[in-house]
Amino acid sequence: MITVFSGKCFFALGTTERCRSGLTTPVPAGFYFKDVWKSFVCNTQQLNFSQMGNCLKNKIVYLLGDSTTRQWFEYLEKNVPGLKRMDLHTPRTGGPLMAVEMKNNIIIHWRPHGVPLRFSKLLITNLHYINDDIDEIAGDSHAVVVFTFAAHRVFHPLTFYVHEVAKIRQSVVALLSRAPQTTVIIKESREITVHVGQGRKPQLNVLDL
């Protein structure tokens, strides 16, 4: 519910439940107000940089995908106090990348997904398919897996994408079976304007896990 008083908005969404996996998600599930997500389902929080560090304490975060998740890596690297990038002698944009914060025992990984992928420079030996990377993660309450992979597939047949989604789904199911406390986050694709493949992103989102 949104109540307006004298041109100002006051939100009374009526939920104090903590956000967690497994909650029923309506459509729409919420809205953005001043670049902050307001959920109809659970009580979302906006964290300051210090709180972000506390939230990530004793966590290993695996960011898998394209430049979107790499930008998330760079955002955390810039804003989480004490988080420093390790020199893995890999391209800054092609990765893989790793950052650590020793005081709170935080480890952040970023790795690009396998082909098709359009980066200017990367090592072919460091290209792994997302399902293969997930298969190598032991998981548990300390592990957070985040992935996205649609952006570089808009020019390819949907059957190619469906096959990859099926493999990733199988790996996610196996991960959550062996380690149910693992947090898995799927970043859906965003809409972009292209001449070939225009309108494909909504189709890819429908086909997601």
N, C-alpha and C. Protein backbone atom coordinates (compact mmCIF):
# COMPACT_ATOMS: atom_id res chain seq x y z
N MET A 1 0.84 -1.18 0.00
CA MET A 1 0.00 0.00 0.00
C MET A 1 0.88 1.24 0.00
N ILE A 2 0.56 2.23 -0.83
CA ILE A 2 1.29 3.49 -0.89
C ILE A 2 0.35 4.61 -0.50
N THR A 3 0.70 5.36 0.52
CA THR A 3 -0.10 6.50 0.97
C THR A 3 0.66 7.78 0.65
N VAL A 4 -0.02 8.77 0.06
CA VAL A 4 0.62 10.03 -0.32
C VAL A 4 0.11 11.15 0.57
N PHE A 5 1.05 11.87 1.22
CA PHE A 5 0.71 13.02 2.04
C PHE A 5 1.55 14.21 1.59
N SER A 6 0.91 15.25 1.12
CA SER A 6 1.59 16.49 0.74
C SER A 6 2.75 16.24 -0.22
N GLY A 7 2.51 15.37 -1.19
CA GLY A 7 3.53 15.12 -2.20
C GLY A 7 4.61 14.16 -1.77
N LYS A 8 4.52 13.62 -0.54
CA LYS A 8 5.52 12.67 -0.07
C LYS A 8 4.89 11.29 0.03
N CYS A 9 5.70 10.28 -0.29
CA CYS A 9 5.20 8.90 -0.26
C CYS A 9 5.63 8.21 1.02
N PHE A 10 4.68 7.54 1.66
CA PHE A 10 4.98 6.74 2.84
C PHE A 10 4.55 5.32 2.55
N PHE A 11 5.45 4.38 2.77
CA PHE A 11 5.19 3.00 2.40
C PHE A 11 4.77 2.18 3.61
N ALA A 12 3.67 1.50 3.48
CA ALA A 12 3.20 0.60 4.53
C ALA A 12 2.89 -0.73 3.87
N LEU A 13 3.92 -1.49 3.60
CA LEU A 13 3.76 -2.71 2.84
C LEU A 13 3.21 -3.85 3.68
N GLY A 14 3.23 -3.71 5.00
CA GLY A 14 2.56 -4.68 5.85
C GLY A 14 3.27 -6.00 6.01
N THR A 15 4.59 -6.05 5.76
CA THR A 15 5.31 -7.30 5.97
C THR A 15 6.60 -7.02 6.72
N THR A 16 6.88 -7.83 7.71
CA THR A 16 8.13 -7.73 8.46
C THR A 16 8.93 -9.02 8.36
N GLU A 17 8.47 -9.95 7.53
CA GLU A 17 9.16 -11.23 7.40
C GLU A 17 10.51 -11.03 6.72
N ARG A 18 11.50 -11.70 7.24
CA ARG A 18 12.84 -11.62 6.67
C ARG A 18 12.88 -12.25 5.28
N CYS A 19 13.56 -11.61 4.37
CA CYS A 19 13.69 -12.16 3.02
C CYS A 19 14.52 -13.44 3.05
N ARG A 20 14.03 -14.47 2.41
CA ARG A 20 14.71 -15.75 2.37
C ARG A 20 14.22 -16.52 1.15
N SER A 21 14.93 -17.57 0.80
CA SER A 21 14.52 -18.39 -0.33
C SER A 21 13.27 -19.19 0.03
N GLY A 22 12.47 -19.50 -0.97
CA GLY A 22 11.28 -20.32 -0.77
C GLY A 22 10.00 -19.54 -0.57
N LEU A 23 10.08 -18.21 -0.47
CA LEU A 23 8.88 -17.41 -0.31
C LEU A 23 8.10 -17.35 -1.63
N THR A 24 6.78 -17.35 -1.53
CA THR A 24 5.95 -17.21 -2.72
C THR A 24 6.12 -15.82 -3.30
N THR A 25 6.36 -15.75 -4.60
CA THR A 25 6.63 -14.46 -5.24
C THR A 25 5.47 -14.08 -6.15
N PRO A 26 4.72 -13.03 -5.81
CA PRO A 26 3.63 -12.60 -6.68
C PRO A 26 4.16 -11.80 -7.86
N VAL A 27 3.29 -11.46 -8.78
CA VAL A 27 3.64 -10.60 -9.91
C VAL A 27 2.67 -9.43 -9.92
N PRO A 28 3.12 -8.19 -9.70
CA PRO A 28 4.51 -7.82 -9.42
C PRO A 28 4.92 -8.16 -7.99
N ALA A 29 6.23 -8.29 -7.77
CA ALA A 29 6.75 -8.64 -6.45
C ALA A 29 7.15 -7.43 -5.64
N GLY A 30 7.11 -6.24 -6.25
CA GLY A 30 7.51 -5.03 -5.56
C GLY A 30 7.74 -3.91 -6.55
N PHE A 31 8.51 -2.92 -6.15
CA PHE A 31 8.75 -1.78 -7.02
C PHE A 31 10.02 -1.06 -6.56
N TYR A 32 10.58 -0.24 -7.43
CA TYR A 32 11.73 0.59 -7.09
C TYR A 32 11.26 1.99 -6.71
N PHE A 33 11.81 2.53 -5.64
CA PHE A 33 11.56 3.90 -5.24
C PHE A 33 12.89 4.54 -4.87
N LYS A 34 13.30 5.56 -5.64
CA LYS A 34 14.59 6.22 -5.45
C LYS A 34 15.73 5.19 -5.50
N ASP A 35 15.65 4.31 -6.50
CA ASP A 35 16.69 3.29 -6.76
C ASP A 35 16.80 2.25 -5.64
N VAL A 36 15.78 2.14 -4.81
CA VAL A 36 15.77 1.13 -3.75
C VAL A 36 14.59 0.21 -3.96
N TRP A 37 14.81 -1.10 -3.93
CA TRP A 37 13.76 -2.08 -4.14
C TRP A 37 12.88 -2.20 -2.91
N LYS A 38 11.58 -2.07 -3.10
CA LYS A 38 10.59 -2.23 -2.03
C LYS A 38 9.78 -3.49 -2.34
N SER A 39 9.91 -4.50 -1.51
CA SER A 39 9.27 -5.79 -1.76
C SER A 39 7.89 -5.87 -1.16
N PHE A 40 6.97 -6.52 -1.88
CA PHE A 40 5.65 -6.84 -1.34
C PHE A 40 5.69 -8.13 -0.52
N VAL A 41 6.80 -8.86 -0.57
CA VAL A 41 6.88 -10.21 -0.01
C VAL A 41 7.57 -10.23 1.34
N CYS A 42 8.66 -9.49 1.46
CA CYS A 42 9.47 -9.57 2.68
C CYS A 42 10.09 -8.21 2.98
N ASN A 43 10.72 -8.12 4.12
CA ASN A 43 11.29 -6.87 4.61
C ASN A 43 12.71 -6.70 4.08
N THR A 44 12.84 -5.96 2.99
CA THR A 44 14.16 -5.72 2.40
C THR A 44 14.90 -4.66 3.21
N GLN A 45 16.23 -4.72 3.12
CA GLN A 45 17.07 -3.76 3.83
C GLN A 45 18.08 -3.16 2.87
N GLN A 46 18.37 -1.89 3.08
CA GLN A 46 19.44 -1.24 2.33
C GLN A 46 20.63 -1.10 3.26
N LEU A 47 21.75 -1.74 2.92
CA LEU A 47 22.90 -1.80 3.80
C LEU A 47 23.90 -0.71 3.46
N ASN A 48 24.50 -0.12 4.49
CA ASN A 48 25.64 0.76 4.24
C ASN A 48 26.89 -0.10 4.07
N PHE A 49 28.01 0.53 3.76
CA PHE A 49 29.20 -0.25 3.42
C PHE A 49 29.69 -1.11 4.58
N SER A 50 29.61 -0.59 5.80
CA SER A 50 30.03 -1.36 6.97
C SER A 50 29.12 -2.57 7.16
N GLN A 51 27.82 -2.37 6.98
CA GLN A 51 26.87 -3.48 7.11
C GLN A 51 27.07 -4.52 6.03
N MET A 52 27.49 -4.08 4.84
CA MET A 52 27.78 -5.03 3.76
C MET A 52 28.90 -5.98 4.18
N GLY A 53 29.93 -5.43 4.83
CA GLY A 53 31.02 -6.27 5.31
C GLY A 53 30.56 -7.27 6.35
N ASN A 54 29.70 -6.83 7.27
CA ASN A 54 29.17 -7.73 8.29
C ASN A 54 28.30 -8.82 7.66
N CYS A 55 27.53 -8.46 6.64
CA CYS A 55 26.67 -9.42 5.96
C CYS A 55 27.50 -10.50 5.27
N LEU A 56 28.66 -10.11 4.75
CA LEU A 56 29.52 -11.05 4.01
C LEU A 56 30.52 -11.78 4.92
N LYS A 57 30.47 -11.53 6.21
CA LYS A 57 31.43 -12.14 7.13
C LYS A 57 31.38 -13.66 7.05
N ASN A 58 32.58 -14.27 6.94
CA ASN A 58 32.73 -15.73 6.85
C ASN A 58 32.02 -16.33 5.63
N LYS A 59 31.91 -15.55 4.56
CA LYS A 59 31.26 -16.03 3.34
C LYS A 59 32.28 -16.19 2.21
N ILE A 60 32.02 -17.18 1.37
CA ILE A 60 32.70 -17.31 0.08
C ILE A 60 31.65 -17.06 -0.99
N VAL A 61 31.85 -16.03 -1.80
CA VAL A 61 30.88 -15.65 -2.83
C VAL A 61 31.46 -16.01 -4.20
N TYR A 62 30.69 -16.77 -4.96
CA TYR A 62 31.09 -17.17 -6.31
C TYR A 62 30.21 -16.40 -7.30
N LEU A 63 30.80 -15.43 -7.99
CA LEU A 63 30.10 -14.67 -9.02
C LEU A 63 30.47 -15.25 -10.37
N LEU A 64 29.50 -15.78 -11.09
CA LEU A 64 29.74 -16.45 -12.36
C LEU A 64 28.94 -15.77 -13.45
N GLY A 65 29.54 -15.58 -14.63
CA GLY A 65 28.76 -15.02 -15.71
C GLY A 65 29.53 -14.08 -16.61
N ASP A 66 28.96 -12.90 -16.86
CA ASP A 66 29.52 -11.96 -17.82
C ASP A 66 29.91 -10.66 -17.11
N SER A 67 29.89 -9.56 -17.86
CA SER A 67 30.33 -8.29 -17.29
C SER A 67 29.40 -7.80 -16.18
N THR A 68 28.15 -8.27 -16.16
CA THR A 68 27.23 -7.84 -15.09
C THR A 68 27.74 -8.29 -13.73
N THR A 69 28.03 -9.57 -13.59
CA THR A 69 28.54 -10.06 -12.29
C THR A 69 29.95 -9.54 -12.03
N ARG A 70 30.72 -9.27 -13.10
CA ARG A 70 32.04 -8.66 -12.87
C ARG A 70 31.88 -7.27 -12.29
N GLN A 71 30.89 -6.51 -12.73
CA GLN A 71 30.64 -5.18 -12.17
C GLN A 71 30.19 -5.29 -10.71
N TRP A 72 29.47 -6.35 -10.37
CA TRP A 72 29.13 -6.57 -8.96
C TRP A 72 30.40 -6.80 -8.15
N PHE A 73 31.31 -7.61 -8.71
CA PHE A 73 32.61 -7.86 -8.06
C PHE A 73 33.33 -6.54 -7.83
N GLU A 74 33.38 -5.70 -8.85
CA GLU A 74 34.08 -4.42 -8.76
C GLU A 74 33.41 -3.49 -7.75
N TYR A 75 32.08 -3.54 -7.67
CA TYR A 75 31.36 -2.72 -6.70
C TYR A 75 31.72 -3.14 -5.27
N LEU A 76 31.71 -4.46 -5.03
CA LEU A 76 32.07 -4.95 -3.69
C LEU A 76 33.52 -4.62 -3.37
N GLU A 77 34.40 -4.79 -4.36
CA GLU A 77 35.81 -4.48 -4.16
C GLU A 77 36.01 -3.01 -3.76
N LYS A 78 35.23 -2.14 -4.36
CA LYS A 78 35.36 -0.71 -4.11
C LYS A 78 34.75 -0.30 -2.78
N ASN A 79 33.69 -0.96 -2.35
CA ASN A 79 32.88 -0.43 -1.25
C ASN A 79 32.93 -1.23 0.05
N VAL A 80 33.28 -2.50 0.01
CA VAL A 80 33.37 -3.27 1.26
C VAL A 80 34.70 -2.94 1.94
N PRO A 81 34.66 -2.42 3.15
CA PRO A 81 35.90 -2.02 3.84
C PRO A 81 36.90 -3.18 3.94
N GLY A 82 38.14 -2.92 3.53
CA GLY A 82 39.20 -3.91 3.69
C GLY A 82 39.28 -4.96 2.60
N LEU A 83 38.32 -5.00 1.68
CA LEU A 83 38.33 -6.02 0.62
C LEU A 83 39.35 -5.64 -0.44
N LYS A 84 40.31 -6.52 -0.69
CA LYS A 84 41.40 -6.24 -1.62
C LYS A 84 41.48 -7.32 -2.69
N ARG A 85 41.71 -6.87 -3.93
CA ARG A 85 41.85 -7.82 -5.04
C ARG A 85 43.22 -8.49 -4.99
N MET A 86 43.23 -9.80 -5.22
CA MET A 86 44.48 -10.55 -5.33
C MET A 86 44.96 -10.51 -6.77
N ASP A 87 46.26 -10.50 -6.95
CA ASP A 87 46.84 -10.49 -8.30
C ASP A 87 46.98 -11.93 -8.79
N LEU A 88 46.04 -12.35 -9.62
CA LEU A 88 46.07 -13.71 -10.19
C LEU A 88 46.74 -13.73 -11.56
N HIS A 89 47.31 -12.59 -11.97
CA HIS A 89 47.98 -12.48 -13.27
C HIS A 89 47.04 -12.83 -14.42
N THR A 90 45.81 -12.32 -14.32
CA THR A 90 44.80 -12.54 -15.35
C THR A 90 44.30 -11.17 -15.84
N PRO A 91 43.70 -11.11 -17.03
CA PRO A 91 43.17 -9.84 -17.54
C PRO A 91 42.14 -9.24 -16.59
N ARG A 92 42.14 -7.92 -16.42
CA ARG A 92 41.24 -7.27 -15.46
C ARG A 92 39.79 -7.43 -15.86
N THR A 93 39.50 -7.49 -17.15
CA THR A 93 38.12 -7.63 -17.59
C THR A 93 37.75 -9.06 -17.93
N GLY A 94 38.74 -9.91 -18.18
CA GLY A 94 38.47 -11.29 -18.56
C GLY A 94 38.55 -12.28 -17.43
N GLY A 95 39.28 -11.91 -16.38
CA GLY A 95 39.38 -12.75 -15.19
C GLY A 95 40.08 -14.08 -15.45
N PRO A 96 39.90 -15.01 -14.50
CA PRO A 96 39.10 -14.91 -13.26
C PRO A 96 39.71 -13.94 -12.26
N LEU A 97 38.86 -13.44 -11.34
CA LEU A 97 39.26 -12.46 -10.35
C LEU A 97 38.95 -12.99 -8.95
N MET A 98 39.69 -12.45 -7.98
CA MET A 98 39.50 -12.87 -6.59
C MET A 98 39.83 -11.71 -5.67
N ALA A 99 39.02 -11.52 -4.65
CA ALA A 99 39.26 -10.49 -3.64
C ALA A 99 39.04 -11.09 -2.26
N VAL A 100 39.81 -10.65 -1.28
CA VAL A 100 39.72 -11.20 0.07
C VAL A 100 39.72 -10.06 1.10
N GLU A 101 39.11 -10.34 2.23
CA GLU A 101 39.14 -9.45 3.39
C GLU A 101 39.45 -10.33 4.59
N MET A 102 40.64 -10.17 5.14
CA MET A 102 41.15 -11.12 6.12
C MET A 102 40.43 -11.01 7.48
N LYS A 103 40.11 -9.79 7.92
CA LYS A 103 39.55 -9.60 9.26
C LYS A 103 38.22 -10.35 9.41
N ASN A 104 37.36 -10.25 8.41
CA ASN A 104 36.04 -10.88 8.48
C ASN A 104 35.95 -12.17 7.66
N ASN A 105 37.10 -12.62 7.15
CA ASN A 105 37.16 -13.90 6.43
C ASN A 105 36.19 -13.92 5.23
N ILE A 106 36.32 -12.91 4.36
CA ILE A 106 35.48 -12.79 3.17
C ILE A 106 36.30 -13.13 1.94
N ILE A 107 35.75 -13.97 1.08
CA ILE A 107 36.40 -14.31 -0.19
C ILE A 107 35.37 -14.12 -1.31
N ILE A 108 35.73 -13.35 -2.33
CA ILE A 108 34.87 -13.11 -3.48
C ILE A 108 35.58 -13.60 -4.73
N HIS A 109 34.93 -14.48 -5.48
CA HIS A 109 35.46 -14.95 -6.76
C HIS A 109 34.59 -14.42 -7.90
N TRP A 110 35.20 -14.11 -9.03
CA TRP A 110 34.44 -13.89 -10.26
C TRP A 110 35.10 -14.67 -11.39
N ARG A 111 34.26 -15.35 -12.15
CA ARG A 111 34.76 -16.11 -13.30
C ARG A 111 33.77 -15.97 -14.45
N PRO A 112 34.29 -15.76 -15.69
CA PRO A 112 33.38 -15.67 -16.84
C PRO A 112 32.82 -17.03 -17.21
N HIS A 113 31.63 -17.02 -17.78
CA HIS A 113 31.06 -18.28 -18.26
C HIS A 113 31.73 -18.70 -19.57
N GLY A 114 31.43 -19.91 -20.01
CA GLY A 114 32.03 -20.42 -21.23
C GLY A 114 31.46 -19.76 -22.48
N VAL A 115 32.00 -20.17 -23.63
CA VAL A 115 31.55 -19.61 -24.91
C VAL A 115 30.08 -19.96 -25.14
N PRO A 116 29.35 -19.09 -25.88
CA PRO A 116 29.79 -17.85 -26.53
C PRO A 116 30.00 -16.71 -25.53
N LEU A 117 31.09 -15.98 -25.75
CA LEU A 117 31.44 -14.89 -24.85
C LEU A 117 32.23 -13.86 -25.65
N ARG A 118 31.90 -12.59 -25.50
CA ARG A 118 32.55 -11.54 -26.27
C ARG A 118 33.31 -10.62 -25.32
N PHE A 119 34.53 -11.03 -24.97
CA PHE A 119 35.44 -10.19 -24.22
C PHE A 119 36.66 -9.93 -25.09
N SER A 120 37.31 -8.78 -24.90
CA SER A 120 38.43 -8.43 -25.77
C SER A 120 39.65 -9.30 -25.52
N LYS A 121 39.85 -9.73 -24.27
CA LYS A 121 41.04 -10.51 -23.94
C LYS A 121 40.75 -11.43 -22.78
N LEU A 122 41.00 -12.71 -22.97
CA LEU A 122 40.89 -13.68 -21.87
C LEU A 122 41.63 -14.95 -22.27
N LEU A 123 41.92 -15.76 -21.28
CA LEU A 123 42.64 -17.01 -21.51
C LEU A 123 41.63 -18.13 -21.70
N ILE A 124 41.75 -18.87 -22.79
CA ILE A 124 40.77 -19.92 -23.10
C ILE A 124 40.77 -21.00 -22.03
N THR A 125 41.91 -21.21 -21.37
CA THR A 125 41.97 -22.24 -20.32
C THR A 125 41.17 -21.85 -19.08
N ASN A 126 40.84 -20.55 -18.96
CA ASN A 126 40.06 -20.09 -17.81
C ASN A 126 38.57 -20.01 -18.10
N LEU A 127 38.15 -20.46 -19.27
CA LEU A 127 36.73 -20.47 -19.61
C LEU A 127 36.10 -21.77 -19.17
N HIS A 128 35.20 -21.70 -18.21
CA HIS A 128 34.49 -22.87 -17.72
C HIS A 128 32.99 -22.64 -17.89
N TYR A 129 32.26 -23.67 -18.23
CA TYR A 129 30.81 -23.55 -18.25
C TYR A 129 30.29 -23.45 -16.81
N ILE A 130 29.22 -22.70 -16.63
CA ILE A 130 28.71 -22.44 -15.28
C ILE A 130 28.36 -23.74 -14.56
N ASN A 131 27.76 -24.69 -15.27
CA ASN A 131 27.39 -25.95 -14.61
C ASN A 131 28.63 -26.68 -14.09
N ASP A 132 29.75 -26.60 -14.83
CA ASP A 132 30.98 -27.26 -14.37
C ASP A 132 31.52 -26.58 -13.12
N ASP A 133 31.46 -25.25 -13.08
CA ASP A 133 31.92 -24.52 -11.88
C ASP A 133 31.06 -24.86 -10.67
N ILE A 134 29.74 -24.90 -10.87
CA ILE A 134 28.85 -25.22 -9.75
C ILE A 134 29.09 -26.63 -9.25
N ASP A 135 29.39 -27.56 -10.14
CA ASP A 135 29.66 -28.94 -9.75
C ASP A 135 30.88 -29.05 -8.84
N GLU A 136 31.79 -28.09 -8.90
CA GLU A 136 33.01 -28.14 -8.10
C GLU A 136 32.88 -27.39 -6.77
N ILE A 137 31.70 -26.81 -6.50
CA ILE A 137 31.48 -26.07 -5.25
C ILE A 137 30.86 -27.01 -4.22
N ALA A 138 31.53 -27.15 -3.08
CA ALA A 138 31.01 -28.04 -2.04
C ALA A 138 29.73 -27.48 -1.44
N GLY A 139 29.69 -26.15 -1.27
CA GLY A 139 28.49 -25.51 -0.72
C GLY A 139 28.40 -25.62 0.79
N ASP A 140 27.43 -24.94 1.37
CA ASP A 140 27.08 -24.93 2.80
C ASP A 140 26.63 -23.51 3.13
N SER A 141 26.39 -23.24 4.40
CA SER A 141 25.84 -21.95 4.79
C SER A 141 26.80 -20.80 4.51
N HIS A 142 28.08 -21.09 4.34
CA HIS A 142 29.07 -20.03 4.07
C HIS A 142 29.17 -19.69 2.58
N ALA A 143 28.53 -20.48 1.73
CA ALA A 143 28.70 -20.34 0.28
C ALA A 143 27.53 -19.59 -0.35
N VAL A 144 27.85 -18.64 -1.22
CA VAL A 144 26.85 -17.90 -2.00
C VAL A 144 27.23 -18.00 -3.47
N VAL A 145 26.30 -18.50 -4.29
CA VAL A 145 26.55 -18.67 -5.71
C VAL A 145 25.62 -17.74 -6.48
N VAL A 146 26.20 -16.86 -7.31
CA VAL A 146 25.43 -15.91 -8.10
C VAL A 146 25.82 -16.10 -9.56
N PHE A 147 24.83 -16.21 -10.45
CA PHE A 147 25.20 -16.35 -11.87
C PHE A 147 24.18 -15.70 -12.79
N THR A 148 24.69 -15.33 -13.97
CA THR A 148 23.87 -14.85 -15.07
C THR A 148 24.61 -15.21 -16.36
N PHE A 149 23.87 -15.46 -17.43
CA PHE A 149 24.57 -15.90 -18.64
C PHE A 149 23.79 -15.65 -19.93
N ALA A 150 22.77 -14.81 -19.90
CA ALA A 150 21.92 -14.66 -21.09
C ALA A 150 22.45 -13.66 -22.10
N ALA A 151 23.18 -12.63 -21.65
CA ALA A 151 23.51 -11.50 -22.51
C ALA A 151 24.26 -11.89 -23.78
N HIS A 152 25.14 -12.87 -23.70
CA HIS A 152 25.96 -13.24 -24.84
C HIS A 152 25.31 -14.34 -25.69
N ARG A 153 24.04 -14.64 -25.41
CA ARG A 153 23.36 -15.71 -26.13
C ARG A 153 22.17 -15.22 -26.96
N VAL A 154 21.97 -13.90 -27.01
CA VAL A 154 20.80 -13.38 -27.72
C VAL A 154 20.88 -13.61 -29.22
N PHE A 155 22.08 -13.84 -29.75
CA PHE A 155 22.23 -14.04 -31.19
C PHE A 155 22.27 -15.52 -31.55
N HIS A 156 22.01 -16.39 -30.59
CA HIS A 156 22.09 -17.83 -30.83
C HIS A 156 20.70 -18.45 -30.72
N PRO A 157 20.51 -19.63 -31.30
CA PRO A 157 19.18 -20.28 -31.26
C PRO A 157 18.73 -20.55 -29.83
N LEU A 158 17.41 -20.47 -29.60
CA LEU A 158 16.87 -20.73 -28.27
C LEU A 158 17.18 -22.14 -27.81
N THR A 159 17.27 -23.08 -28.75
CA THR A 159 17.58 -24.47 -28.37
C THR A 159 18.94 -24.57 -27.69
N PHE A 160 19.88 -23.75 -28.13
CA PHE A 160 21.21 -23.71 -27.51
C PHE A 160 21.08 -23.25 -26.05
N TYR A 161 20.29 -22.21 -25.84
CA TYR A 161 20.09 -21.67 -24.50
C TYR A 161 19.36 -22.66 -23.60
N VAL A 162 18.33 -23.31 -24.15
CA VAL A 162 17.55 -24.29 -23.38
C VAL A 162 18.44 -25.42 -22.90
N HIS A 163 19.33 -25.88 -23.78
CA HIS A 163 20.25 -26.97 -23.40
C HIS A 163 21.15 -26.54 -22.24
N GLU A 164 21.64 -25.30 -22.29
CA GLU A 164 22.53 -24.83 -21.22
C GLU A 164 21.76 -24.63 -19.92
N VAL A 165 20.54 -24.09 -20.01
CA VAL A 165 19.72 -23.93 -18.81
C VAL A 165 19.48 -25.28 -18.14
N ALA A 166 19.22 -26.30 -18.93
CA ALA A 166 18.98 -27.64 -18.39
C ALA A 166 20.20 -28.16 -17.64
N LYS A 167 21.39 -27.93 -18.18
CA LYS A 167 22.62 -28.38 -17.51
C LYS A 167 22.84 -27.63 -16.20
N ILE A 168 22.62 -26.32 -16.23
CA ILE A 168 22.81 -25.52 -15.01
C ILE A 168 21.79 -25.92 -13.95
N ARG A 169 20.56 -26.13 -14.37
CA ARG A 169 19.52 -26.53 -13.41
C ARG A 169 19.90 -27.84 -12.73
N GLN A 170 20.41 -28.78 -13.50
CA GLN A 170 20.83 -30.06 -12.93
C GLN A 170 21.93 -29.86 -11.89
N SER A 171 22.87 -28.97 -12.19
CA SER A 171 23.97 -28.71 -11.26
C SER A 171 23.49 -27.99 -10.00
N VAL A 172 22.55 -27.05 -10.15
CA VAL A 172 22.00 -26.34 -8.99
C VAL A 172 21.23 -27.30 -8.10
N VAL A 173 20.42 -28.17 -8.70
CA VAL A 173 19.67 -29.15 -7.92
C VAL A 173 20.62 -30.06 -7.15
N ALA A 174 21.71 -30.49 -7.80
CA ALA A 174 22.68 -31.35 -7.13
C ALA A 174 23.37 -30.61 -5.99
N LEU A 175 23.71 -29.33 -6.21
CA LEU A 175 24.36 -28.53 -5.17
C LEU A 175 23.45 -28.38 -3.95
N LEU A 176 22.18 -28.07 -4.18
CA LEU A 176 21.26 -27.88 -3.06
C LEU A 176 20.88 -29.20 -2.40
N SER A 177 21.06 -30.29 -3.11
CA SER A 177 20.81 -31.61 -2.50
C SER A 177 21.94 -31.99 -1.54
N ARG A 178 23.18 -31.69 -1.94
CA ARG A 178 24.31 -32.04 -1.07
C ARG A 178 24.57 -30.99 0.00
N ALA A 179 24.11 -29.74 -0.25
CA ALA A 179 24.34 -28.66 0.71
C ALA A 179 23.15 -27.71 0.68
N PRO A 180 22.05 -28.07 1.34
CA PRO A 180 20.81 -27.27 1.26
C PRO A 180 20.95 -25.85 1.81
N GLN A 181 21.95 -25.59 2.64
CA GLN A 181 22.12 -24.26 3.22
C GLN A 181 22.81 -23.28 2.28
N THR A 182 23.22 -23.75 1.12
CA THR A 182 23.87 -22.87 0.15
C THR A 182 22.87 -21.84 -0.39
N THR A 183 23.32 -20.61 -0.53
CA THR A 183 22.49 -19.56 -1.14
C THR A 183 22.79 -19.48 -2.62
N VAL A 184 21.76 -19.60 -3.46
CA VAL A 184 21.91 -19.52 -4.91
C VAL A 184 21.07 -18.36 -5.41
N ILE A 185 21.68 -17.44 -6.13
CA ILE A 185 21.01 -16.26 -6.66
C ILE A 185 21.14 -16.25 -8.18
N ILE A 186 20.00 -16.11 -8.88
CA ILE A 186 20.00 -16.08 -10.34
C ILE A 186 19.69 -14.66 -10.79
N LYS A 187 20.62 -14.06 -11.52
CA LYS A 187 20.39 -12.72 -12.08
C LYS A 187 19.81 -12.89 -13.48
N GLU A 188 18.56 -12.46 -13.66
CA GLU A 188 17.95 -12.56 -14.97
C GLU A 188 18.54 -11.52 -15.91
N SER A 189 18.28 -11.70 -17.20
CA SER A 189 18.82 -10.79 -18.20
C SER A 189 18.02 -9.50 -18.22
N ARG A 190 18.65 -8.43 -18.67
CA ARG A 190 17.96 -7.16 -18.83
C ARG A 190 17.66 -6.94 -20.31
N GLU A 191 16.70 -6.10 -20.58
CA GLU A 191 16.33 -5.79 -21.97
C GLU A 191 17.34 -4.85 -22.58
N ILE A 192 17.76 -5.16 -23.81
CA ILE A 192 18.65 -4.27 -24.55
C ILE A 192 18.08 -4.08 -25.94
N THR A 193 18.50 -3.00 -26.61
CA THR A 193 18.01 -2.71 -27.95
C THR A 193 19.03 -3.20 -28.96
N VAL A 194 18.66 -4.20 -29.73
CA VAL A 194 19.50 -4.73 -30.79
C VAL A 194 18.62 -5.00 -32.00
N HIS A 195 19.24 -5.03 -33.17
CA HIS A 195 18.46 -5.28 -34.39
C HIS A 195 18.23 -6.78 -34.59
N VAL A 196 19.26 -7.57 -34.30
CA VAL A 196 19.12 -9.02 -34.42
C VAL A 196 18.91 -9.58 -33.03
N GLY A 197 17.85 -10.34 -32.84
CA GLY A 197 17.58 -10.90 -31.53
C GLY A 197 16.79 -9.98 -30.63
N GLN A 198 16.23 -8.89 -31.20
CA GLN A 198 15.46 -7.96 -30.39
C GLN A 198 14.23 -8.67 -29.83
N GLY A 199 13.96 -8.45 -28.55
CA GLY A 199 12.85 -9.13 -27.91
C GLY A 199 13.20 -10.50 -27.40
N ARG A 200 14.44 -10.93 -27.60
CA ARG A 200 14.84 -12.28 -27.17
C ARG A 200 15.00 -12.36 -25.66
N LYS A 201 15.40 -11.25 -24.99
CA LYS A 201 15.66 -11.31 -23.56
C LYS A 201 14.46 -11.77 -22.76
N PRO A 202 13.23 -11.24 -23.00
CA PRO A 202 12.09 -11.75 -22.26
C PRO A 202 11.89 -13.24 -22.47
N GLN A 203 12.14 -13.73 -23.70
CA GLN A 203 12.03 -15.16 -23.95
C GLN A 203 13.02 -15.95 -23.12
N LEU A 204 14.25 -15.43 -23.01
CA LEU A 204 15.28 -16.13 -22.23
C LEU A 204 14.90 -16.17 -20.76
N ASN A 205 14.33 -15.08 -20.25
CA ASN A 205 13.92 -15.05 -18.85
C ASN A 205 12.83 -16.07 -18.57
N VAL A 206 11.89 -16.24 -19.50
CA VAL A 206 10.82 -17.24 -19.34
C VAL A 206 11.42 -18.64 -19.26
N LEU A 207 12.51 -18.86 -19.98
CA LEU A 207 13.13 -20.18 -20.02
C LEU A 207 14.11 -20.42 -18.89
N ASP A 208 14.32 -19.41 -18.03
CA ASP A 208 15.28 -19.57 -16.94
C ASP A 208 14.84 -20.67 -15.96
N LEU A 209 15.76 -21.00 -15.05
CA LEU A 209 15.57 -22.11 -14.12
C LEU A 209 14.22 -22.06 -13.43
